[in-house]
Amino acid sequence: MRATAMSRALGRRPLVRIGLALMALAATILLAACGSGIEEPPAAAAGAGSGNEVKVEGKPSGDVTISNWPLYIDKNTVGDFEKETGVSVAYKEDVNSNEEFFAKMQPLLANGQSGGRSLMIVTDWMAKKMHELGYLQEFEPAAIPNFEKNLADNLRGASYDPGRDFAAPWQSGMTGVIVNKDDAPEIHSVCDLFDPKYKGKVDMLNELRDTVPLVMKCEGVDVEHATEADWLKAIEKIKGAAESGQIRRFTGNDYSTDLTNGNVVAAIGWSGDAVQLQADNPNIEWRMPEEGCILWSDNMVIPVGAPNPTAAEAWINYVYDPVHQAQIEAYVNYVSPVEGTKEVLLKEEPEVANNKLIFPPASFTKKCSIQPSPSPTEEQNINRAFNAVLNG
């Protein structure tokens, strides 16, 4: 991810983080990677449960297949890992949305198979869902000492994985508002996006867990304790804005094209995108909403049936070395989950190290909220309502 802002418009988070599907404008365009859930909960894997644990077998060797989002790694890390460990990596950029990828993998996972993959990268809520269904193995701590030692303090004790037993953050990020400073200097709140003076000049993400919680925050809702009624009320507000023409369109990160072309003056968007967009156009700026942002992580998980979990854990351990992580971070520009990375970059890439969108201080994110996760029943109802807006 992130060769340039425009190349990223066909990258990891495009159109509902749908990467390659953006070009096809397929039906999955309306499925949100951090957004719409699965309409009907699938059956859990036979015999699956919390007893699935990685069995590490000596020194890593052989082959490992990794599924990740497009353009979400630098050009050298895979080769460097292969040279250091002797493991051969098949690195697939085939996670175009959480839902699309899950729909492809679920029939295999339900039968204890992984489609040859030893490692997958999915967002928090999908990692939670997959673990609850028994589709993930739990880590062998002794094999990943760098992860145990270097995981950022603010990412320890995740509500869905308190011990970080099965989900190792790959990158994190913030969802807020991206504006053209010349055309929309007054926009500092999500509520400002509903101002009639910006009619037809606003994009919103078609990602349920980003857009709707931000609108709830604008309405004063504590999103981490939001009720189904809170979700539906915010969706109704979004629906009204869409029907009136206030919202130009719902997008993935192709909002970058709308911003750079002047089609919109503001969009709900991701922090890492803004870093690249601003590099090309200094008038574009990611703003922390007055109400606070939405925080999320994409996570490395080891599926049931993984053919080489030893090599998978070697990969996790490798990328949690701050030196190796710095190489990745300098390219992707999202929020690093690895302590010590900033110190490395201060020597090598100080501009990256000092960017608060890449290394945000706690004071900067104090009003932010973790992506909320409604219950399965609530999710179905909320999902239907939001999809009706997207398809309206």
Foldseek 3Di string as FASTA:
>chain_A
DFPFLVVCCLWQWWQLSQRVVVVVVDPCSLPHQLAADDQDQDAFAVPFAQPFADDADPAAEEEAEEEAAGQQFDDPLQVVLCVVRVYHYHYHNPPSGLVVVCVVQVVQLSHLAGPQHFKYKGWPVSQLSCNHSRFFHWYDCVLAVLQVVWFAPVPACDVSCNHSGFWRFPFKWWKAKKFQCVVCVPDQAPVVLLPVVQQQAEEEASGHLFRQVSLLLSVVDPSQPDDLVSSLVSLVVVLVSVVVRSHNAHIISNVLVCCVVVSHGMYTYILLSQVSSCVVPVSMDGHAHPQAIEMITITMGGTRNHPRNNVVSVSNNVCLPLVNVLNGCVRRVAADRTPPVLVVCCVVPVVSSPDCRHVPDCVSRVSYYYRHDDDSVSSSVSSVSSSVSNVD
